[in-house]
Amino acid sequence: MADGSTGLSRKTRSGRVVNSASEKAQEVLKEDYGKARTVAFDALKSQAYLYPIKGIFYFLTHHSLWKPFLSRLGPYVILSVSVIGGMFAVTYLPQLAVLVLVNGPFAVVSTVLIVLNESSTIINIVSRNWILQDALLDTFDGTLVSRNRAGIVSEGREIKSGSDPMQRLGRVLKSPFERFGPKALVPYLVYLPLNFIPVVGTVMFIFFQGRNRGKLVHGRYFQLKKWSSSQRSAWLEKHTGPYTAFGLVATLLEMVPLASMFFTYTNTVGAALWAADIEALDTSMTDETAPTLKEAAKKVE
């Protein structure tokens, strides 16, 4: 009887543990679903996903912004062709052989997307460090000046008189965008195994890449605003949805072979347009004033 009661007691305890774990899992899922729904709603409400598209049209209709782009076109095209061609020649078949085991017929599409994303990551790191850094800085600042935001740009560089926004840009007073280093590869490598999940995994992989991309689009803007790292973190956390939406669209555009440089510039223009609208209090993100932002930053600290 004792053994029987002991066994029953163990079963009861095991059942309670399982039920408790199940309840906690359900709570976590509900919480994550609620967060995801809030992020998605904020993204749609802000319409931040439109700024990469706005950047394309603004860039095409403002010829003065073409100067930095044209000055780096040759080296970037050579880099892109070399990286994309090399990646497909060396990594496509090995990755296809692995993915076909888990993705079946979808492996062909998944592998192409992976190789393009890998190529885009490599091109981004190399080009932003050694080819495009100064040109993208000029493009961002020039776009702000063209939107009558020379005041904030003057916090980071000298501004000259004149009508051409690019010619008005003087000596840089503050260091430009942060360089992309090995640290930028860490999130990429962490999420890379998601591609083993058929279709959905690749979509999730691109989503996470877009989310990380979104956190970087206003690096120069935050610098001009003289925000501390805690203020930046508070702002980005408050507006995760909008920045994820922008980053996702920007990532998809920059994955387009050969045209990625063009979209890198137009995404920079789009980010500057967004910053100009935030400054002009024209977006749903404008409820965040400097005082309230500082209070949020203090809470983070």
Foldseek 3Di string as FASTA:
>chain_A
DVVVVVVVVVVVVVVVVVVVVVVVVVVVVVVVVVVVVVLQVLQVQQVLLCLLVVLLVVPVVQVLLCVLVVVQLVVLLVLQCVLLVVLCVPPQVVQLVLLCVQQPPLSNVLSLLVSLLVSLVVSCQVCCAPGCVVSLQLSLQLLCVLLVNVVLVVLFFQAQDDDRSSVRTHGGRDDTADHDDPVVCVVLVVLVVLSSHHPVSSVVSLLSQLLVQLLRLCRVVCVSVVDDPLLSVLLCVVNSNNSSSLSSSLSVQLSPRSCNSVSVSSSNSSSSVVSSCCVVVNGPSVVDDPVNSVVSSVVSD
